[in-house]
């Protein structure tokens, strides 16, 4: 900055130019500042991210209470800026919804009614997969582009608001329908099993990654995730990513969707990256339960064997008594009584005695 003496020494026209430049710089700096709690590059693009998750319509109400609306994203520059604001651990609703009085119209527009047509859909989106998906969502840690999702998913996406925008008439017309979006993603596996001949994308392998919070950036259905087993599903052998996706085995999602180093083709051990503490705890509990079940089964088998042995001993004893002849002593063993009962002895020895009486 020039000193006052230097400033006074300049021609009047130059001083006026410098004064105008300072005013312009000050005005530009003031204009670039968004009012709290918004932040952005200019007052025309001020954004706010809620610190809580909510449904699409709940987010719109939150944005309206803060003087804005769910965000419109006009171009790539704004999209890049917003992605810097959203952490890789977050998903946020943007102000994009499928409009129309009839479901699945295929017409997507902004909540505020603006006609901006720039889009940054993830490849394959929007696709209304499995359930109602009528609202737009951004999750920089999962996808490079936008995706469609059920508007009523609770406790997942936060709200991305843009200052100074209001809801348009089409959104107000469709809000009730959006609030009725189903989010029955758990039924998708059953639907896929009913039609195992669908192609890979339609069979849900892409959504297997999405359901586990991952983008399929490195998907390979035939990659070996864990040791092969003698079982198949949807044409894939047990042990492959295709089989893991079909079985919804979330343990191998990172391996199959993002990073092959998380695969454990050699078998699970303490060095297997896919096994974190939570999995180890679950497996330990499962092993304890399995051990208890095995001990109980062994006890039942031993008890059954002992009962069989007892029955066999009883049967053998009965057969021995019945089949083996036994010599029994006379019921009465007195010699004198034997003489009385033996006619021969009576005739030969006792006749004289009797007759002499």
Protein backbone atom coordinates (compact mmCIF):
# COMPACT_ATOMS: atom_id res chain seq x y z
CA UNK A 1 0.00 0.00 0.00
CA UNK A 2 1.34 3.48 -0.82
CA UNK A 3 1.98 5.93 2.05
CA UNK A 4 -0.14 9.04 2.45
CA UNK A 5 2.70 11.18 1.06
CA UNK A 6 3.04 8.91 -1.97
CA UNK A 7 -0.74 8.84 -2.36
CA UNK A 8 -0.95 12.65 -2.37
CA UNK A 9 1.84 12.81 -4.91
CA UNK A 10 -0.07 10.86 -7.52
CA UNK A 11 -2.15 12.55 -10.22
CA UNK A 12 -5.84 12.97 -9.42
CA UNK A 13 -6.91 10.62 -12.20
CA UNK A 14 -4.64 7.85 -10.92
CA UNK A 15 -5.94 8.33 -7.38
CA UNK A 16 -9.48 8.00 -8.65
CA UNK A 17 -8.64 4.80 -10.49
CA UNK A 18 -7.00 3.31 -7.42
CA UNK A 19 -9.97 4.32 -5.27
CA UNK A 20 -12.35 2.62 -7.70
CA UNK A 21 -10.22 -0.51 -7.69
CA UNK A 22 -10.25 -0.67 -3.89
CA UNK A 23 -14.02 -0.25 -3.82
CA UNK A 24 -14.44 -3.02 -6.40
CA UNK A 25 -12.18 -5.38 -4.45
CA UNK A 26 -14.05 -4.65 -1.23
CA UNK A 27 -17.40 -5.21 -2.95
CA UNK A 28 -16.22 -8.49 -4.45
CA UNK A 29 -14.98 -9.69 -1.08
CA UNK A 30 -18.27 -8.78 0.55
CA UNK A 31 -20.27 -10.48 -2.22
CA UNK A 32 -18.27 -13.71 -1.89
CA UNK A 33 -19.24 -14.13 1.73
CA UNK A 34 -22.34 -16.26 2.34
CA UNK A 35 -24.37 -15.56 5.47
CA UNK A 36 -23.90 -18.07 8.26
CA UNK A 37 -24.52 -20.99 8.42
CA UNK A 38 -24.23 -21.14 4.62
CA UNK A 39 -20.92 -21.30 2.79
CA UNK A 40 -19.99 -20.92 -0.85
CA UNK A 41 -18.00 -19.11 -3.50
CA UNK A 42 -20.56 -16.34 -3.98
CA UNK A 43 -23.88 -15.22 -2.58
CA UNK A 44 -25.51 -16.82 -5.62
CA UNK A 45 -24.21 -20.25 -4.63
CA UNK A 46 -24.45 -20.63 -0.86
CA UNK A 47 -24.85 -24.17 0.44
CA UNK A 48 -25.70 -25.74 3.78
CA UNK A 49 -25.44 -29.39 4.87
CA UNK A 50 -27.60 -30.54 7.76
CA UNK A 51 -25.95 -32.32 10.67
CA UNK A 52 -28.64 -35.01 10.73
CA UNK A 53 -30.11 -37.49 8.20
CA UNK A 54 -33.73 -37.25 7.07
CA UNK A 55 -36.10 -38.19 4.28
CA UNK A 56 -36.33 -36.09 1.11
CA UNK A 57 -39.41 -34.09 2.14
CA UNK A 58 -38.08 -33.61 5.69
CA UNK A 59 -34.92 -32.16 4.18
CA UNK A 60 -36.94 -29.78 2.02
CA UNK A 61 -38.75 -28.53 5.13
CA UNK A 62 -35.41 -28.09 6.90
CA UNK A 63 -34.00 -26.10 3.99
CA UNK A 64 -37.09 -23.89 3.82
CA UNK A 65 -36.79 -23.14 7.54
CA UNK A 66 -33.26 -21.91 6.83
CA UNK A 67 -34.24 -19.67 3.92
CA UNK A 68 -33.51 -22.05 1.09
CA UNK A 69 -34.47 -25.24 -0.68
CA UNK A 70 -32.88 -28.56 -1.55
CA UNK A 71 -29.96 -27.64 -3.74
CA UNK A 72 -29.98 -27.08 -7.45
CA UNK A 73 -26.61 -27.84 -9.06
CA UNK A 74 -26.20 -25.87 -12.26
CA UNK A 75 -22.88 -27.04 -13.68
CA UNK A 76 -19.77 -29.09 -13.11
CA UNK A 77 -18.02 -26.32 -11.21
CA UNK A 78 -20.81 -26.23 -8.64
CA UNK A 79 -20.90 -30.02 -8.50
CA UNK A 80 -17.15 -30.15 -7.82
CA UNK A 81 -17.47 -27.50 -5.12
CA UNK A 82 -20.34 -29.28 -3.38
CA UNK A 83 -18.44 -32.57 -3.43
CA UNK A 84 -15.69 -30.87 -1.45
CA UNK A 85 -18.23 -29.83 1.18
CA UNK A 86 -19.75 -33.29 1.50
CA UNK A 87 -17.48 -35.73 3.33
CA UNK A 88 -16.79 -39.15 1.86
CA UNK A 89 -18.77 -40.63 4.75
CA UNK A 90 -21.94 -38.75 3.86
CA UNK A 91 -24.79 -39.01 1.41
CA UNK A 92 -26.95 -35.94 0.75
CA UNK A 93 -30.26 -35.30 -0.95
CA UNK A 94 -30.11 -32.84 -3.80
CA UNK A 95 -33.18 -31.01 -5.09
CA UNK A 96 -33.85 -33.40 -7.97
CA UNK A 97 -37.01 -35.50 -8.18
CA UNK A 98 -39.02 -37.46 -10.73
CA UNK A 99 -42.06 -35.33 -11.40
CA UNK A 100 -45.46 -36.17 -12.79
CA UNK A 101 -48.82 -37.19 -11.46
CA UNK A 102 -48.13 -40.75 -12.65
CA UNK A 103 -45.23 -42.75 -11.22
CA UNK A 104 -42.17 -43.47 -13.38
CA UNK A 105 -42.71 -40.56 -15.72
CA UNK A 106 -38.99 -40.39 -16.48
CA UNK A 107 -39.07 -36.59 -16.17
CA UNK A 108 -36.62 -35.26 -13.61
CA UNK A 109 -36.69 -31.66 -12.44
CA UNK A 110 -35.49 -29.45 -9.63
CA UNK A 111 -37.56 -28.79 -6.53
CA UNK A 112 -37.46 -25.04 -7.10
CA UNK A 113 -38.82 -25.41 -10.64
CA UNK A 114 -35.69 -24.09 -12.38
CA UNK A 115 -35.16 -25.32 -15.91
CA UNK A 116 -31.45 -26.08 -15.59
CA UNK A 117 -30.84 -29.25 -17.56
CA UNK A 118 -27.26 -30.06 -16.51
CA UNK A 119 -27.07 -33.54 -14.98
CA UNK A 120 -24.31 -35.70 -13.54
CA UNK A 121 -25.96 -39.12 -13.27
CA UNK A 122 -23.87 -42.14 -12.36
CA UNK A 123 -23.70 -44.52 -15.37
CA UNK A 124 -26.82 -46.67 -15.37
CA UNK A 125 -28.81 -44.14 -13.34
CA UNK A 126 -31.60 -43.31 -12.85
CA UNK A 127 -32.99 -46.81 -13.05
CA UNK A 128 -35.88 -47.15 -10.56
CA UNK A 129 -34.27 -50.36 -9.37
CA UNK A 130 -36.29 -52.81 -7.32
CA UNK A 131 -38.46 -50.23 -5.54
CA UNK A 132 -39.68 -46.64 -5.85
CA UNK A 133 -36.71 -44.36 -6.51
CA UNK A 134 -37.98 -40.87 -7.29
CA UNK A 135 -35.41 -38.61 -5.59
CA UNK A 136 -31.85 -37.63 -6.40
CA UNK A 137 -28.93 -38.31 -4.11
CA UNK A 138 -25.20 -37.58 -4.02
CA UNK A 139 -22.60 -39.60 -2.12
CA UNK A 140 -19.05 -38.66 -3.20
CA UNK A 141 -17.49 -41.49 -1.20
CA UNK A 142 -19.58 -44.06 -3.07
CA UNK A 143 -20.33 -42.80 -6.57
CA UNK A 144 -18.80 -40.35 -8.99
CA UNK A 145 -22.24 -39.22 -10.12
CA UNK A 146 -25.79 -38.86 -8.83
CA UNK A 147 -28.13 -41.78 -8.18
CA UNK A 148 -31.86 -42.17 -7.74
CA UNK A 149 -33.12 -43.54 -4.43
CA UNK A 150 -36.32 -44.00 -2.51
CA UNK A 151 -37.40 -40.63 -1.10
CA UNK A 152 -38.39 -42.17 2.22
CA UNK A 153 -35.13 -43.87 3.22
CA UNK A 154 -34.66 -42.88 6.88
CA UNK A 155 -31.43 -42.23 8.75
CA UNK A 156 -29.10 -42.20 5.78
CA UNK A 157 -28.89 -39.08 3.60
CA UNK A 158 -28.38 -35.58 5.00
CA UNK A 159 -29.83 -32.41 3.50
CA UNK A 160 -27.96 -30.26 0.96
CA UNK A 161 -29.66 -26.85 0.96
CA UNK A 162 -29.14 -23.87 -1.33
CA UNK A 163 -29.91 -20.40 -0.06
CA UNK A 164 -32.59 -18.22 -1.55
CA UNK A 165 -34.61 -20.86 -3.43
CA UNK A 166 -38.26 -21.79 -2.96
CA UNK A 167 -40.21 -24.92 -3.82
CA UNK A 168 -41.94 -24.87 -7.21
CA UNK A 169 -45.54 -25.80 -7.97
CA UNK A 170 -44.66 -29.25 -9.40
CA UNK A 171 -42.91 -30.31 -6.23
CA UNK A 172 -45.82 -29.13 -4.10
CA UNK A 173 -48.11 -31.15 -6.36
CA UNK A 174 -45.98 -34.32 -6.15
CA UNK A 175 -44.85 -34.13 -2.51
CA UNK A 176 -47.52 -36.53 -1.24
CA UNK A 177 -46.59 -39.11 -3.89
CA UNK A 178 -42.90 -38.78 -3.04
CA UNK A 179 -43.69 -39.31 0.64
CA UNK A 180 -45.34 -42.59 -0.34
CA UNK A 181 -42.20 -44.01 -1.96
CA UNK A 182 -41.56 -47.55 -0.83
CA UNK A 183 -38.06 -48.46 0.30
CA UNK A 184 -38.37 -52.25 0.44
CA UNK A 185 -34.82 -52.98 -0.71
CA UNK A 186 -34.78 -56.11 1.44
CA UNK A 187 -37.21 -57.75 -0.98
CA UNK A 188 -34.87 -57.35 -3.93
CA UNK A 189 -33.07 -60.63 -3.36
CA UNK A 190 -36.35 -62.56 -3.42
CA UNK A 191 -37.37 -60.90 -6.68
CA UNK A 192 -34.03 -61.69 -8.28
CA UNK A 193 -34.18 -65.34 -7.23
CA UNK A 194 -37.53 -65.63 -9.00
CA UNK A 195 -35.81 -64.75 -12.29
CA UNK A 196 -32.24 -66.12 -12.21
CA UNK A 197 -31.82 -65.75 -15.98
CA UNK A 198 -31.62 -61.95 -15.92
CA UNK A 199 -28.36 -60.37 -16.98
CA UNK A 200 -25.71 -59.40 -14.49
CA UNK A 201 -26.79 -55.80 -13.93
CA UNK A 202 -30.46 -56.69 -13.68
CA UNK A 203 -29.64 -59.58 -11.32
CA UNK A 204 -28.51 -57.00 -8.81
CA UNK A 205 -24.75 -57.35 -8.68
CA UNK A 206 -24.36 -53.61 -9.15
CA UNK A 207 -26.84 -53.03 -6.33
CA UNK A 208 -25.00 -55.53 -4.13
CA UNK A 209 -22.22 -52.95 -3.95
CA UNK A 210 -24.65 -50.10 -3.49
CA UNK A 211 -26.53 -51.84 -0.69
CA UNK A 212 -23.23 -52.15 1.16
CA UNK A 213 -22.37 -48.48 0.67
CA UNK A 214 -19.87 -49.03 -2.11
CA UNK A 215 -19.53 -48.02 -5.73
CA UNK A 216 -18.64 -50.90 -8.08
CA UNK A 217 -15.45 -49.25 -9.29
CA UNK A 218 -13.57 -52.52 -9.66
CA UNK A 219 -16.34 -55.10 -10.03
CA UNK A 220 -15.58 -58.54 -11.40
CA UNK A 221 -18.27 -61.16 -10.91
CA UNK A 222 -15.80 -64.02 -11.50
CA UNK A 223 -13.13 -62.76 -9.11
CA UNK A 224 -12.27 -65.27 -6.40
CA UNK A 225 -13.20 -63.75 -3.06
CA UNK A 226 -12.72 -66.79 -0.82
CA UNK A 227 -11.85 -70.49 -1.26
CA UNK A 228 -13.98 -72.25 -3.84
CA UNK A 229 -16.75 -74.57 -2.68
CA UNK A 230 -18.84 -77.19 -4.46
CA UNK A 231 -21.92 -75.05 -4.88
CA UNK A 232 -23.30 -72.73 -7.56
CA UNK A 233 -25.86 -69.95 -7.84
CA UNK A 234 -26.89 -68.00 -10.93
CA UNK A 235 -24.09 -69.73 -12.83
CA UNK A 236 -21.36 -68.66 -10.40
CA UNK A 237 -19.30 -70.99 -8.27
CA UNK A 238 -19.24 -70.51 -4.52
CA UNK A 239 -16.16 -68.45 -3.74
CA UNK A 240 -16.61 -65.95 -6.57
CA UNK A 241 -17.88 -62.40 -6.27
CA UNK A 242 -20.89 -63.29 -8.38
CA UNK A 243 -21.89 -65.95 -5.88
CA UNK A 244 -21.25 -63.60 -2.93
CA UNK A 245 -23.43 -60.95 -4.56
CA UNK A 246 -26.20 -63.43 -5.24
CA UNK A 247 -26.10 -64.59 -1.61
CA UNK A 248 -25.87 -60.99 -0.36
CA UNK A 249 -22.76 -61.92 1.62
CA UNK A 250 -21.70 -58.45 2.71
CA UNK A 251 -18.38 -59.69 4.10
CA UNK A 252 -16.94 -59.71 0.57
CA UNK A 253 -18.41 -56.44 -0.70
CA UNK A 254 -15.18 -54.43 -0.40
CA UNK A 255 -13.21 -57.22 -2.07
CA UNK A 256 -15.62 -57.53 -5.00
CA UNK A 257 -16.66 -53.92 -5.52
CA UNK A 258 -13.63 -51.80 -4.72
CA UNK A 259 -10.35 -53.37 -3.62
CA UNK A 260 -9.23 -56.93 -4.54
CA UNK A 261 -6.65 -56.86 -1.75
CA UNK A 262 -9.56 -57.40 0.64
CA UNK A 263 -10.23 -60.80 -0.96
CA UNK A 264 -9.14 -63.90 0.96
CA UNK A 265 -8.84 -66.51 -1.76
CA UNK A 266 -6.36 -68.49 0.37
CA UNK A 267 -8.78 -68.70 3.30
CA UNK A 268 -9.73 -66.58 6.25
CA UNK A 269 -7.13 -65.92 8.92
CA UNK A 270 -5.87 -63.08 11.08
CA UNK A 271 -4.24 -61.45 8.05
CA UNK A 272 -7.43 -61.36 6.00
CA UNK A 273 -8.27 -57.71 5.46
CA UNK A 274 -11.96 -58.36 5.04
CA UNK A 275 -12.20 -59.58 8.61
CA UNK A 276 -12.43 -56.67 11.00
CA UNK A 277 -13.05 -56.93 14.74
CA UNK A 278 -16.81 -56.98 14.27
CA UNK A 279 -16.61 -59.96 11.94
CA UNK A 280 -14.19 -61.73 14.29
CA UNK A 281 -16.56 -61.20 17.22
CA UNK A 282 -19.49 -62.52 15.20
CA UNK A 283 -17.49 -65.53 14.07
CA UNK A 284 -16.32 -66.22 17.63
CA UNK A 285 -19.91 -66.17 18.84
CA UNK A 286 -20.92 -68.41 15.97
CA UNK A 287 -18.10 -70.85 16.76
CA UNK A 288 -19.10 -70.93 20.44
CA UNK A 289 -22.70 -71.64 19.51
CA UNK A 290 -21.61 -74.33 17.07
CA UNK A 291 -19.44 -75.95 19.75
CA UNK A 292 -22.33 -76.01 22.22
CA UNK A 293 -24.60 -77.52 19.58
CA UNK A 294 -22.02 -80.20 18.80
CA UNK A 295 -21.57 -81.08 22.50
CA UNK A 296 -25.34 -81.31 22.96
CA UNK A 297 -25.63 -83.52 19.89
CA UNK A 298 -22.88 -85.82 21.21
CA UNK A 299 -24.65 -86.07 24.57
CA UNK A 300 -27.88 -87.01 22.85
CA UNK A 301 -26.08 -89.66 20.81
CA UNK A 302 -24.40 -91.12 23.93
CA UNK A 303 -27.72 -91.23 25.80
CA UNK A 304 -29.37 -92.98 22.87
CA UNK A 305 -26.51 -95.49 22.66
CA UNK A 306 -26.71 -96.25 26.39
CA UNK A 307 -30.44 -96.82 26.15
CA UNK A 308 -29.87 -99.22 23.27
CA UNK A 309 -27.24 -101.15 25.24
CA UNK A 310 -29.63 -101.54 28.18
CA UNK A 311 -32.36 -102.84 25.88
CA UNK A 312 -29.96 -105.32 24.29
CA UNK A 313 -28.82 -106.60 27.70
CA UNK A 314 -32.40 -107.18 28.78
CA UNK A 315 -33.20 -109.07 25.57
CA UNK A 316 -30.08 -111.25 25.88
CA UNK A 317 -30.89 -112.08 29.50
CA UNK A 318 -34.40 -113.11 28.59
CA UNK A 319 -33.16 -115.37 25.82
CA UNK A 320 -30.64 -117.06 28.11
CA UNK A 321 -33.30 -117.84 30.69
CA UNK A 322 -35.67 -119.20 28.07
CA UNK A 323 -33.28 -121.31 25.99
CA UNK A 324 -30.68 -122.80 28.42
CA UNK A 325 -31.97 -125.95 30.41
CA UNK A 326 -31.46 -125.75 34.17
CA UNK A 327 -31.26 -128.77 36.57
CA UNK A 328 -33.44 -128.13 39.50
CA UNK A 329 -33.19 -129.96 42.87
CA UNK A 330 -36.37 -131.69 44.12
CA UNK A 331 -38.77 -129.46 45.85
CA UNK A 332 -38.45 -131.55 49.01
CA UNK A 333 -35.03 -133.01 49.91
CA UNK A 334 -35.83 -134.97 53.16
CA UNK A 335 -34.56 -138.66 52.93
CA UNK A 336 -37.48 -140.03 54.91
CA UNK A 337 -39.95 -138.16 52.78
CA UNK A 338 -38.18 -139.47 49.71
CA UNK A 339 -38.74 -143.03 50.94
CA UNK A 340 -42.42 -142.37 51.36
CA UNK A 341 -42.74 -140.96 47.94
CA UNK A 342 -40.69 -143.69 46.21
CA UNK A 343 -42.87 -146.78 45.59
CA UNK A 344 -39.89 -148.99 44.82
CA UNK A 345 -38.21 -148.26 48.08
CA UNK A 346 -41.45 -148.75 49.85
CA UNK A 347 -42.01 -152.21 48.36
CA UNK A 348 -38.46 -153.46 48.82
CA UNK A 349 -37.51 -152.09 52.18
CA UNK A 350 -40.56 -151.21 54.05
CA UNK A 351 -42.98 -153.97 53.37
CA UNK A 352 -41.81 -156.15 56.34
CA UNK A 353 -41.84 -153.28 58.72
CA UNK A 354 -45.31 -152.35 57.68
CA UNK A 355 -46.59 -155.84 57.89
CA UNK A 356 -45.09 -156.32 61.34
CA UNK A 357 -47.01 -153.46 62.82
